């Protein structure tokens, strides 16, 4: 009998990139161990890796669902799938220079996602209207789509965002001044 620590679902596979993908570090601005989604990269729950594809303005990546993400027997919990899509859509907005928080998320579950799946995802900003930022995401594999999502996010006002500006600029490898300018060009009203 195999020790449970040796079970393949306890060991995420190596991250595989696609042609033209460039790794993006998640924005770790909270000063802690990371988010619920990306906080345990060596654990048996989730492993998420973020990338940009070429010059495109949206986020792509891979999400591995281990035993710790189980919902229905042998499959990922819908909440784990939704959490990956939530974080991906928010990260896409932040990487586009829009510091946002989620207001409303909608996830359509299209197929059960088997544990051990190394799925791909993409997320992008679809529209900006003042403080409102609308995003879209999907979670899929070569076999088809598992879930799609839409989200309404709001940009943080300057007084709320100002305290985080230096940390976000550093995480995005830019200066606070350049980040402010980029965000204003993208519709931020701060």
N, C-alpha and C. Protein backbone atom coordinates (compact mmCIF):
# COMPACT_ATOMS: atom_id res chain seq x y z
N UNK A 1 0.84 -1.18 0.00
CA UNK A 1 0.00 0.00 0.00
C UNK A 1 0.88 1.24 0.00
N UNK A 2 0.50 2.23 -0.76
CA UNK A 2 1.27 3.45 -0.90
C UNK A 2 0.93 4.42 0.21
N UNK A 3 1.94 5.06 0.76
CA UNK A 3 1.72 6.11 1.75
C UNK A 3 0.93 7.24 1.08
N UNK A 4 -0.02 7.82 1.82
CA UNK A 4 -0.87 8.86 1.22
C UNK A 4 -0.06 10.03 0.71
N UNK A 5 1.10 10.31 1.29
CA UNK A 5 1.96 11.39 0.79
C UNK A 5 2.56 11.08 -0.56
N UNK A 6 2.59 9.78 -0.94
CA UNK A 6 3.13 9.39 -2.23
C UNK A 6 2.06 9.33 -3.32
N UNK A 7 0.81 9.52 -2.95
CA UNK A 7 -0.28 9.46 -3.93
C UNK A 7 -0.07 10.55 -4.99
N UNK A 8 -0.27 10.23 -6.27
CA UNK A 8 -0.03 11.23 -7.33
C UNK A 8 -0.86 12.51 -7.16
N UNK A 9 -2.01 12.42 -6.50
CA UNK A 9 -2.82 13.63 -6.32
C UNK A 9 -2.27 14.53 -5.21
N UNK A 10 -1.25 14.04 -4.48
CA UNK A 10 -0.59 14.87 -3.48
C UNK A 10 0.60 15.61 -4.08
N UNK A 11 0.99 15.23 -5.29
CA UNK A 11 2.17 15.83 -5.92
C UNK A 11 1.75 16.50 -7.22
N UNK A 12 1.70 17.84 -7.23
CA UNK A 12 1.34 18.49 -8.49
C UNK A 12 2.39 18.21 -9.56
N UNK A 13 1.95 18.09 -10.79
CA UNK A 13 2.92 17.90 -11.88
C UNK A 13 3.72 19.18 -12.09
N UNK A 14 4.85 19.10 -12.76
CA UNK A 14 5.61 20.32 -13.04
C UNK A 14 4.75 21.28 -13.87
N UNK A 15 4.94 22.58 -13.67
CA UNK A 15 4.20 23.57 -14.44
C UNK A 15 4.68 23.52 -15.88
N UNK A 16 3.74 23.36 -16.79
CA UNK A 16 4.06 23.37 -18.22
C UNK A 16 3.56 24.68 -18.81
N UNK A 17 4.41 25.32 -19.56
CA UNK A 17 3.99 26.54 -20.23
C UNK A 17 3.60 26.21 -21.67
N UNK A 18 2.91 27.11 -22.27
CA UNK A 18 2.53 27.00 -23.67
C UNK A 18 3.46 27.91 -24.47
N UNK A 19 3.58 27.69 -25.77
CA UNK A 19 4.42 28.59 -26.58
C UNK A 19 3.95 30.03 -26.45
N UNK A 20 4.90 30.93 -26.23
CA UNK A 20 4.59 32.35 -26.14
C UNK A 20 4.14 32.83 -24.78
N UNK A 21 4.09 31.95 -23.77
CA UNK A 21 3.67 32.35 -22.43
C UNK A 21 4.88 32.86 -21.64
N UNK A 22 4.69 33.95 -20.91
CA UNK A 22 5.71 34.52 -20.03
C UNK A 22 5.17 34.49 -18.61
N UNK A 23 5.95 33.94 -17.69
CA UNK A 23 5.50 33.83 -16.30
C UNK A 23 5.24 35.19 -15.69
N UNK A 24 4.19 35.25 -14.86
CA UNK A 24 3.82 36.45 -14.13
C UNK A 24 3.70 36.05 -12.67
N UNK A 25 4.38 36.77 -11.79
CA UNK A 25 4.25 36.50 -10.36
C UNK A 25 2.94 37.06 -9.86
N UNK A 26 2.22 36.33 -9.04
CA UNK A 26 1.00 36.90 -8.48
C UNK A 26 1.34 38.12 -7.64
N UNK A 27 0.42 39.06 -7.59
CA UNK A 27 0.65 40.26 -6.81
C UNK A 27 0.48 39.94 -5.33
N UNK A 28 1.57 39.80 -4.63
CA UNK A 28 1.52 39.49 -3.20
C UNK A 28 1.63 40.79 -2.43
N UNK A 29 0.52 41.51 -2.37
CA UNK A 29 0.54 42.81 -1.73
C UNK A 29 0.06 42.77 -0.29
N UNK A 30 -0.47 41.65 0.11
CA UNK A 30 -1.06 41.59 1.45
C UNK A 30 -0.01 41.30 2.52
N UNK A 31 1.22 40.99 2.12
CA UNK A 31 2.29 40.79 3.08
C UNK A 31 2.27 39.45 3.77
N UNK A 32 1.31 38.61 3.47
CA UNK A 32 1.19 37.31 4.11
C UNK A 32 1.70 36.19 3.24
N UNK A 33 1.10 35.03 3.43
CA UNK A 33 1.56 33.85 2.70
C UNK A 33 0.97 33.75 1.31
N UNK A 34 0.12 34.67 0.95
CA UNK A 34 -0.51 34.64 -0.35
C UNK A 34 -2.00 34.44 -0.19
N UNK A 35 -2.67 34.36 -1.29
CA UNK A 35 -4.13 34.24 -1.27
C UNK A 35 -4.57 32.82 -0.93
N UNK A 36 -5.86 32.66 -0.73
CA UNK A 36 -6.43 31.32 -0.53
C UNK A 36 -6.08 30.42 -1.70
N UNK A 37 -6.11 30.96 -2.91
CA UNK A 37 -5.87 30.16 -4.10
C UNK A 37 -4.40 29.83 -4.26
N UNK A 38 -3.52 30.80 -4.14
CA UNK A 38 -2.10 30.57 -4.43
C UNK A 38 -1.24 30.43 -3.19
N UNK A 39 -1.85 30.36 -2.01
CA UNK A 39 -1.10 30.39 -0.77
C UNK A 39 -0.35 29.12 -0.39
N UNK A 40 -0.65 27.98 -1.00
CA UNK A 40 0.02 26.73 -0.66
C UNK A 40 0.48 26.00 -1.93
N UNK A 41 1.47 26.55 -2.63
CA UNK A 41 1.86 25.95 -3.90
C UNK A 41 2.41 24.52 -3.79
N UNK A 42 2.86 24.12 -2.60
CA UNK A 42 3.38 22.76 -2.43
C UNK A 42 2.36 21.82 -1.80
N UNK A 43 1.18 22.33 -1.47
CA UNK A 43 0.16 21.52 -0.82
C UNK A 43 -0.59 20.62 -1.80
N UNK A 44 -1.62 19.94 -1.27
CA UNK A 44 -2.38 19.02 -2.11
C UNK A 44 -3.73 19.58 -2.54
N UNK A 45 -3.93 20.88 -2.35
CA UNK A 45 -5.22 21.49 -2.68
C UNK A 45 -5.21 22.04 -4.10
N UNK A 46 -4.50 23.12 -4.31
CA UNK A 46 -4.43 23.79 -5.61
C UNK A 46 -3.00 24.20 -5.89
N UNK A 47 -2.67 24.25 -7.14
CA UNK A 47 -1.42 24.86 -7.57
C UNK A 47 -1.78 25.69 -8.79
N UNK A 48 -1.53 26.99 -8.72
CA UNK A 48 -1.89 27.90 -9.79
C UNK A 48 -0.64 28.64 -10.25
N UNK A 49 -0.45 28.74 -11.56
CA UNK A 49 0.66 29.49 -12.14
C UNK A 49 0.09 30.44 -13.19
N UNK A 50 0.55 31.69 -13.14
CA UNK A 50 0.03 32.74 -14.01
C UNK A 50 1.03 33.10 -15.11
N UNK A 51 0.49 33.46 -16.28
CA UNK A 51 1.31 33.83 -17.42
C UNK A 51 0.61 34.91 -18.23
N UNK A 52 1.40 35.59 -19.04
CA UNK A 52 0.87 36.45 -20.10
C UNK A 52 1.22 35.77 -21.41
N UNK A 53 0.32 35.90 -22.37
CA UNK A 53 0.56 35.32 -23.70
C UNK A 53 0.90 36.46 -24.64
N UNK A 54 2.16 36.49 -25.11
CA UNK A 54 2.60 37.52 -26.03
C UNK A 54 2.33 38.91 -25.48
N UNK A 55 1.79 39.77 -26.33
CA UNK A 55 1.49 41.14 -25.94
C UNK A 55 0.02 41.30 -25.53
N UNK A 56 -0.71 40.20 -25.46
CA UNK A 56 -2.13 40.28 -25.11
C UNK A 56 -2.31 40.88 -23.73
N UNK A 57 -3.45 41.51 -23.55
CA UNK A 57 -3.71 42.23 -22.31
C UNK A 57 -4.54 41.40 -21.33
N UNK A 58 -4.50 40.07 -21.47
CA UNK A 58 -5.20 39.26 -20.48
C UNK A 58 -4.28 38.20 -19.92
N UNK A 59 -4.77 37.57 -18.88
CA UNK A 59 -3.99 36.61 -18.11
C UNK A 59 -4.34 35.19 -18.52
N UNK A 60 -3.35 34.34 -18.60
CA UNK A 60 -3.57 32.91 -18.85
C UNK A 60 -2.83 32.14 -17.78
N UNK A 61 -3.10 30.86 -17.67
CA UNK A 61 -2.37 30.09 -16.68
C UNK A 61 -2.82 28.65 -16.59
N UNK A 62 -2.28 28.00 -15.57
CA UNK A 62 -2.58 26.60 -15.31
C UNK A 62 -3.02 26.47 -13.86
N UNK A 63 -3.99 25.60 -13.65
CA UNK A 63 -4.49 25.33 -12.30
C UNK A 63 -4.58 23.82 -12.14
N UNK A 64 -3.89 23.30 -11.14
CA UNK A 64 -3.92 21.87 -10.82
C UNK A 64 -4.80 21.69 -9.59
N UNK A 65 -5.70 20.73 -9.66
CA UNK A 65 -6.65 20.47 -8.58
C UNK A 65 -6.32 19.13 -7.93
N UNK A 66 -5.82 19.17 -6.69
CA UNK A 66 -5.44 17.97 -5.96
C UNK A 66 -6.52 17.50 -5.01
N UNK A 67 -6.19 16.50 -4.20
CA UNK A 67 -7.15 15.90 -3.26
C UNK A 67 -7.77 16.92 -2.30
N UNK A 68 -7.01 17.92 -1.91
CA UNK A 68 -7.51 18.92 -0.99
C UNK A 68 -8.58 19.82 -1.58
N UNK A 69 -8.82 19.73 -2.88
CA UNK A 69 -9.86 20.54 -3.53
C UNK A 69 -11.10 19.71 -3.83
N UNK A 70 -11.16 18.50 -3.29
CA UNK A 70 -12.25 17.58 -3.64
C UNK A 70 -13.61 18.07 -3.15
N UNK A 71 -14.59 17.92 -4.02
CA UNK A 71 -16.00 18.16 -3.71
C UNK A 71 -16.71 16.84 -3.93
N UNK A 72 -17.39 16.68 -5.08
CA UNK A 72 -17.97 15.37 -5.39
C UNK A 72 -16.83 14.34 -5.49
N UNK A 73 -17.05 13.11 -5.07
CA UNK A 73 -15.97 12.11 -5.09
C UNK A 73 -15.22 12.09 -6.42
N UNK A 74 -13.89 12.28 -6.30
CA UNK A 74 -13.02 12.21 -7.47
C UNK A 74 -12.99 13.48 -8.32
N UNK A 75 -13.69 14.52 -7.87
CA UNK A 75 -13.77 15.74 -8.68
C UNK A 75 -13.55 16.99 -7.82
N UNK A 76 -13.14 18.07 -8.47
CA UNK A 76 -12.89 19.33 -7.77
C UNK A 76 -14.19 19.94 -7.28
N UNK A 77 -14.13 20.55 -6.13
CA UNK A 77 -15.26 21.28 -5.56
C UNK A 77 -15.53 22.51 -6.43
N UNK A 78 -16.80 22.81 -6.66
CA UNK A 78 -17.15 23.99 -7.44
C UNK A 78 -16.59 25.27 -6.84
N UNK A 79 -16.50 25.33 -5.52
CA UNK A 79 -15.93 26.51 -4.88
C UNK A 79 -14.47 26.69 -5.21
N UNK A 80 -13.73 25.59 -5.36
CA UNK A 80 -12.31 25.67 -5.74
C UNK A 80 -12.19 26.20 -7.17
N UNK A 81 -13.05 25.71 -8.05
CA UNK A 81 -13.04 26.18 -9.43
C UNK A 81 -13.40 27.68 -9.48
N UNK A 82 -14.43 28.07 -8.73
CA UNK A 82 -14.85 29.47 -8.69
C UNK A 82 -13.76 30.36 -8.12
N UNK A 83 -13.05 29.87 -7.09
CA UNK A 83 -11.98 30.66 -6.48
C UNK A 83 -10.86 30.93 -7.48
N UNK A 84 -10.50 29.92 -8.27
CA UNK A 84 -9.47 30.11 -9.29
C UNK A 84 -9.91 31.17 -10.30
N UNK A 85 -11.16 31.08 -10.75
CA UNK A 85 -11.65 32.05 -11.73
C UNK A 85 -11.76 33.46 -11.14
N UNK A 86 -12.21 33.56 -9.89
CA UNK A 86 -12.30 34.85 -9.21
C UNK A 86 -10.92 35.50 -9.15
N UNK A 87 -9.93 34.76 -8.65
CA UNK A 87 -8.60 35.34 -8.53
C UNK A 87 -8.01 35.68 -9.90
N UNK A 88 -8.24 34.83 -10.90
CA UNK A 88 -7.69 35.10 -12.24
C UNK A 88 -8.30 36.37 -12.83
N UNK A 89 -9.61 36.55 -12.69
CA UNK A 89 -10.24 37.76 -13.24
C UNK A 89 -9.73 39.00 -12.51
N UNK A 90 -9.65 38.94 -11.18
CA UNK A 90 -9.13 40.07 -10.42
C UNK A 90 -7.68 40.37 -10.77
N UNK A 91 -6.87 39.33 -10.91
CA UNK A 91 -5.46 39.52 -11.25
C UNK A 91 -5.32 40.11 -12.65
N UNK A 92 -6.19 39.70 -13.58
CA UNK A 92 -6.15 40.27 -14.93
C UNK A 92 -6.40 41.77 -14.88
N UNK A 93 -7.35 42.19 -14.04
CA UNK A 93 -7.64 43.62 -13.90
C UNK A 93 -6.44 44.34 -13.28
N UNK A 94 -5.89 43.79 -12.20
CA UNK A 94 -4.73 44.43 -11.55
C UNK A 94 -3.57 44.53 -12.53
N UNK A 95 -3.32 43.47 -13.30
CA UNK A 95 -2.20 43.50 -14.25
C UNK A 95 -2.46 44.47 -15.39
N UNK A 96 -3.73 44.80 -15.63
CA UNK A 96 -4.08 45.81 -16.63
C UNK A 96 -4.02 47.21 -16.04
N UNK A 97 -3.59 47.31 -14.77
CA UNK A 97 -3.46 48.61 -14.13
C UNK A 97 -4.71 49.10 -13.45
N UNK A 98 -5.63 48.19 -13.14
CA UNK A 98 -6.89 48.55 -12.51
C UNK A 98 -6.99 47.87 -11.14
N UNK A 99 -6.71 48.59 -10.06
CA UNK A 99 -6.80 47.99 -8.73
C UNK A 99 -8.26 47.79 -8.35
N UNK A 100 -8.71 46.56 -8.30
CA UNK A 100 -10.13 46.27 -8.13
C UNK A 100 -10.41 45.34 -6.96
N UNK A 101 -11.68 45.35 -6.56
CA UNK A 101 -12.22 44.34 -5.66
C UNK A 101 -13.50 43.81 -6.31
N UNK A 102 -13.82 42.56 -6.04
CA UNK A 102 -15.00 41.94 -6.64
C UNK A 102 -16.27 42.46 -5.99
N UNK A 103 -17.29 42.67 -6.82
CA UNK A 103 -18.61 43.07 -6.36
C UNK A 103 -19.62 41.95 -6.65
N UNK A 104 -19.48 41.32 -7.81
CA UNK A 104 -20.40 40.25 -8.19
C UNK A 104 -19.67 39.27 -9.09
N UNK A 105 -19.83 37.99 -8.80
CA UNK A 105 -19.24 36.93 -9.62
C UNK A 105 -20.34 35.98 -10.06
N UNK A 106 -20.24 35.52 -11.29
CA UNK A 106 -21.16 34.51 -11.79
C UNK A 106 -20.33 33.42 -12.44
N UNK A 107 -20.56 32.18 -12.04
CA UNK A 107 -19.82 31.04 -12.59
C UNK A 107 -20.82 30.04 -13.14
N UNK A 108 -20.60 29.64 -14.37
CA UNK A 108 -21.38 28.56 -14.98
C UNK A 108 -20.50 27.31 -15.00
N UNK A 109 -20.95 26.27 -14.31
CA UNK A 109 -20.22 25.01 -14.28
C UNK A 109 -20.71 24.16 -15.44
N UNK A 110 -19.81 23.83 -16.34
CA UNK A 110 -20.18 23.15 -17.57
C UNK A 110 -19.90 21.65 -17.53
N UNK A 111 -18.90 21.25 -16.74
CA UNK A 111 -18.54 19.84 -16.63
C UNK A 111 -17.80 19.64 -15.31
N UNK A 112 -17.91 18.43 -14.76
CA UNK A 112 -17.16 18.12 -13.54
C UNK A 112 -15.68 18.02 -13.89
N UNK A 113 -14.84 18.55 -12.99
CA UNK A 113 -13.41 18.60 -13.22
C UNK A 113 -12.75 17.49 -12.39
N UNK A 114 -12.20 16.46 -13.03
CA UNK A 114 -11.57 15.36 -12.29
C UNK A 114 -10.36 15.82 -11.48
N UNK A 115 -10.23 15.30 -10.26
CA UNK A 115 -9.04 15.59 -9.45
C UNK A 115 -7.80 15.18 -10.22
N UNK A 116 -6.73 15.91 -10.00
CA UNK A 116 -5.47 15.63 -10.69
C UNK A 116 -5.38 16.34 -12.03
N UNK A 117 -6.43 17.02 -12.43
CA UNK A 117 -6.42 17.73 -13.71
C UNK A 117 -5.51 18.95 -13.62
N UNK A 118 -4.69 19.10 -14.62
CA UNK A 118 -3.84 20.28 -14.79
C UNK A 118 -4.53 21.11 -15.88
N UNK A 119 -5.50 21.91 -15.46
CA UNK A 119 -6.34 22.67 -16.39
C UNK A 119 -5.66 23.99 -16.77
N UNK A 120 -6.17 24.58 -17.82
CA UNK A 120 -5.73 25.91 -18.23
C UNK A 120 -6.87 26.90 -17.95
N UNK A 121 -6.51 28.16 -17.80
CA UNK A 121 -7.53 29.19 -17.65
C UNK A 121 -7.08 30.43 -18.38
N UNK A 122 -8.04 31.27 -18.70
CA UNK A 122 -7.72 32.61 -19.18
C UNK A 122 -8.72 33.57 -18.57
N UNK A 123 -8.29 34.81 -18.40
CA UNK A 123 -9.13 35.85 -17.81
C UNK A 123 -8.73 37.17 -18.43
N UNK A 124 -9.73 38.03 -18.62
CA UNK A 124 -9.44 39.31 -19.25
C UNK A 124 -10.46 40.37 -18.81
N UNK A 125 -10.05 41.60 -18.95
CA UNK A 125 -10.95 42.73 -18.75
C UNK A 125 -11.73 42.91 -20.03
N UNK A 126 -13.04 42.98 -19.92
CA UNK A 126 -13.88 43.17 -21.10
C UNK A 126 -14.31 44.62 -21.29
N UNK A 127 -14.57 45.33 -20.19
CA UNK A 127 -15.04 46.71 -20.30
C UNK A 127 -14.73 47.47 -19.03
N UNK A 128 -14.50 48.76 -19.20
CA UNK A 128 -14.28 49.66 -18.07
C UNK A 128 -15.24 50.83 -18.25
N UNK A 129 -16.03 51.08 -17.23
CA UNK A 129 -17.00 52.19 -17.25
C UNK A 129 -16.88 52.91 -15.91
N UNK A 130 -16.08 53.97 -15.87
CA UNK A 130 -15.81 54.65 -14.60
C UNK A 130 -15.09 53.70 -13.67
N UNK A 131 -15.67 53.47 -12.48
CA UNK A 131 -15.06 52.55 -11.50
C UNK A 131 -15.43 51.10 -11.79
N UNK A 132 -16.43 50.86 -12.64
CA UNK A 132 -16.88 49.50 -12.92
C UNK A 132 -15.98 48.81 -13.94
N UNK A 133 -15.51 47.63 -13.59
CA UNK A 133 -14.65 46.84 -14.47
C UNK A 133 -15.32 45.48 -14.64
N UNK A 134 -15.62 45.13 -15.88
CA UNK A 134 -16.25 43.83 -16.17
C UNK A 134 -15.19 42.89 -16.73
N UNK A 135 -15.13 41.70 -16.14
CA UNK A 135 -14.13 40.71 -16.53
C UNK A 135 -14.81 39.41 -16.93
N UNK A 136 -14.07 38.58 -17.65
CA UNK A 136 -14.56 37.27 -18.09
C UNK A 136 -13.43 36.26 -17.92
N UNK A 137 -13.76 35.03 -17.56
CA UNK A 137 -12.76 33.98 -17.42
C UNK A 137 -13.32 32.64 -17.85
N UNK A 138 -12.43 31.71 -18.06
CA UNK A 138 -12.84 30.33 -18.35
C UNK A 138 -11.78 29.37 -17.87
N UNK A 139 -12.21 28.17 -17.51
CA UNK A 139 -11.36 27.10 -17.02
C UNK A 139 -11.60 25.92 -17.95
N UNK A 140 -10.52 25.38 -18.55
CA UNK A 140 -10.70 24.39 -19.61
C UNK A 140 -9.49 23.46 -19.71
N UNK A 141 -9.64 22.43 -20.55
CA UNK A 141 -8.54 21.53 -20.89
C UNK A 141 -8.70 21.16 -22.36
N UNK A 142 -7.84 20.28 -22.85
CA UNK A 142 -7.97 19.83 -24.24
C UNK A 142 -9.30 19.13 -24.48
N UNK A 143 -9.92 18.61 -23.39
CA UNK A 143 -11.17 17.87 -23.52
C UNK A 143 -12.41 18.76 -23.51
N UNK A 144 -12.25 20.07 -23.24
CA UNK A 144 -13.39 20.97 -23.23
C UNK A 144 -13.36 21.92 -22.05
N UNK A 145 -14.44 22.69 -21.90
CA UNK A 145 -14.53 23.67 -20.84
C UNK A 145 -15.18 23.07 -19.60
N UNK A 146 -14.64 23.46 -18.43
CA UNK A 146 -15.20 23.05 -17.15
C UNK A 146 -16.10 24.13 -16.58
N UNK A 147 -15.69 25.41 -16.75
CA UNK A 147 -16.47 26.50 -16.19
C UNK A 147 -16.13 27.80 -16.92
N UNK A 148 -17.12 28.69 -16.96
CA UNK A 148 -16.91 30.04 -17.46
C UNK A 148 -17.39 31.00 -16.38
N UNK A 149 -16.87 32.22 -16.42
CA UNK A 149 -17.24 33.17 -15.37
C UNK A 149 -17.29 34.58 -15.92
N UNK A 150 -18.09 35.40 -15.25
CA UNK A 150 -18.10 36.83 -15.47
C UNK A 150 -18.03 37.48 -14.10
N UNK A 151 -17.50 38.67 -14.07
CA UNK A 151 -17.41 39.37 -12.79
C UNK A 151 -17.52 40.86 -12.97
N UNK A 152 -18.16 41.47 -12.00
CA UNK A 152 -18.18 42.93 -11.90
C UNK A 152 -17.26 43.29 -10.75
N UNK A 153 -16.28 44.12 -11.05
CA UNK A 153 -15.31 44.58 -10.06
C UNK A 153 -15.38 46.09 -10.00
N UNK A 154 -14.99 46.65 -8.87
CA UNK A 154 -14.89 48.11 -8.73
C UNK A 154 -13.45 48.49 -8.44
N UNK A 155 -12.99 49.55 -9.11
CA UNK A 155 -11.65 50.03 -8.80
C UNK A 155 -11.68 50.69 -7.43
N UNK A 156 -10.58 50.54 -6.74
CA UNK A 156 -10.45 51.16 -5.43
C UNK A 156 -10.22 52.66 -5.61
N UNK A 157 -10.89 53.48 -4.81
CA UNK A 157 -10.62 54.92 -4.90
C UNK A 157 -9.21 55.21 -4.39
N UNK A 158 -8.68 56.35 -4.82
CA UNK A 158 -7.30 56.73 -4.47
C UNK A 158 -7.03 56.64 -2.97
N UNK A 159 -7.95 57.12 -2.14
CA UNK A 159 -7.68 57.10 -0.69
C UNK A 159 -7.55 55.69 -0.14
N UNK A 160 -8.25 54.73 -0.72
CA UNK A 160 -8.14 53.34 -0.29
C UNK A 160 -6.91 52.66 -0.90
N UNK A 161 -6.62 53.03 -2.14
CA UNK A 161 -5.54 52.39 -2.87
C UNK A 161 -4.18 52.98 -2.52
N UNK A 162 -4.13 54.24 -2.12
CA UNK A 162 -2.86 54.93 -1.90
C UNK A 162 -1.93 54.16 -0.96
N UNK A 163 -2.48 53.59 0.11
CA UNK A 163 -1.64 52.87 1.08
C UNK A 163 -0.98 51.64 0.45
N UNK A 164 -1.57 51.09 -0.61
CA UNK A 164 -1.02 49.90 -1.26
C UNK A 164 -0.17 50.22 -2.48
N UNK A 165 -0.17 51.46 -2.92
CA UNK A 165 0.43 51.82 -4.20
C UNK A 165 1.89 51.40 -4.33
N UNK A 166 2.72 51.65 -3.33
CA UNK A 166 4.13 51.28 -3.42
C UNK A 166 4.30 49.77 -3.56
N UNK A 167 3.52 48.99 -2.79
CA UNK A 167 3.62 47.54 -2.86
C UNK A 167 3.17 47.02 -4.23
N UNK A 168 2.08 47.56 -4.75
CA UNK A 168 1.58 47.12 -6.04
C UNK A 168 2.56 47.49 -7.15
N UNK A 169 3.09 48.70 -7.10
CA UNK A 169 4.07 49.12 -8.11
C UNK A 169 5.28 48.20 -8.10
N UNK A 170 5.75 47.87 -6.91
CA UNK A 170 6.91 46.96 -6.81
C UNK A 170 6.56 45.59 -7.39
N UNK A 171 5.38 45.07 -7.04
CA UNK A 171 4.97 43.76 -7.54
C UNK A 171 4.82 43.76 -9.06
N UNK A 172 4.49 44.92 -9.63
CA UNK A 172 4.32 45.03 -11.08
C UNK A 172 5.58 45.53 -11.77
N UNK A 173 6.67 45.65 -10.99
CA UNK A 173 7.97 46.06 -11.51
C UNK A 173 7.91 47.41 -12.23
N UNK A 174 7.29 48.39 -11.55
CA UNK A 174 7.20 49.73 -12.09
C UNK A 174 7.28 50.72 -10.94
N UNK A 175 7.16 52.00 -11.23
CA UNK A 175 7.16 53.02 -10.19
C UNK A 175 5.72 53.42 -9.87
N UNK A 176 5.48 53.94 -8.67
CA UNK A 176 4.13 54.39 -8.34
C UNK A 176 3.60 55.44 -9.32
N UNK A 177 4.46 56.34 -9.78
CA UNK A 177 4.03 57.37 -10.72
C UNK A 177 3.60 56.76 -12.06
N UNK A 178 4.40 55.83 -12.57
CA UNK A 178 4.06 55.18 -13.84
C UNK A 178 2.79 54.34 -13.69
N UNK A 179 2.64 53.70 -12.54
CA UNK A 179 1.45 52.88 -12.30
C UNK A 179 0.20 53.76 -12.28
N UNK A 180 0.27 54.90 -11.58
CA UNK A 180 -0.87 55.83 -11.55
C UNK A 180 -1.25 56.28 -12.97
N UNK A 181 -0.23 56.65 -13.75
CA UNK A 181 -0.49 57.11 -15.11
C UNK A 181 -1.11 56.00 -15.95
N UNK A 182 -0.57 54.80 -15.86
CA UNK A 182 -1.11 53.66 -16.61
C UNK A 182 -2.56 53.40 -16.22
N UNK A 183 -2.85 53.45 -14.94
CA UNK A 183 -4.21 53.19 -14.47
C UNK A 183 -5.17 54.27 -14.96
N UNK A 184 -4.74 55.52 -14.97
CA UNK A 184 -5.60 56.61 -15.48
C UNK A 184 -5.87 56.43 -16.97
N UNK A 185 -4.86 55.99 -17.71
CA UNK A 185 -5.04 55.73 -19.15
C UNK A 185 -6.07 54.61 -19.37
N UNK A 186 -6.19 53.69 -18.40
CA UNK A 186 -7.12 52.57 -18.49
C UNK A 186 -8.51 52.90 -17.93
N UNK A 187 -8.70 54.15 -17.47
CA UNK A 187 -10.02 54.54 -17.01
C UNK A 187 -10.17 54.71 -15.51
N UNK A 188 -9.10 54.50 -14.75
CA UNK A 188 -9.17 54.67 -13.30
C UNK A 188 -9.36 56.14 -12.99
N UNK A 189 -10.25 56.45 -12.08
CA UNK A 189 -10.58 57.83 -11.75
C UNK A 189 -9.86 58.34 -10.51
N UNK A 190 -8.91 57.58 -9.99
CA UNK A 190 -8.24 57.98 -8.75
C UNK A 190 -7.29 59.12 -8.92
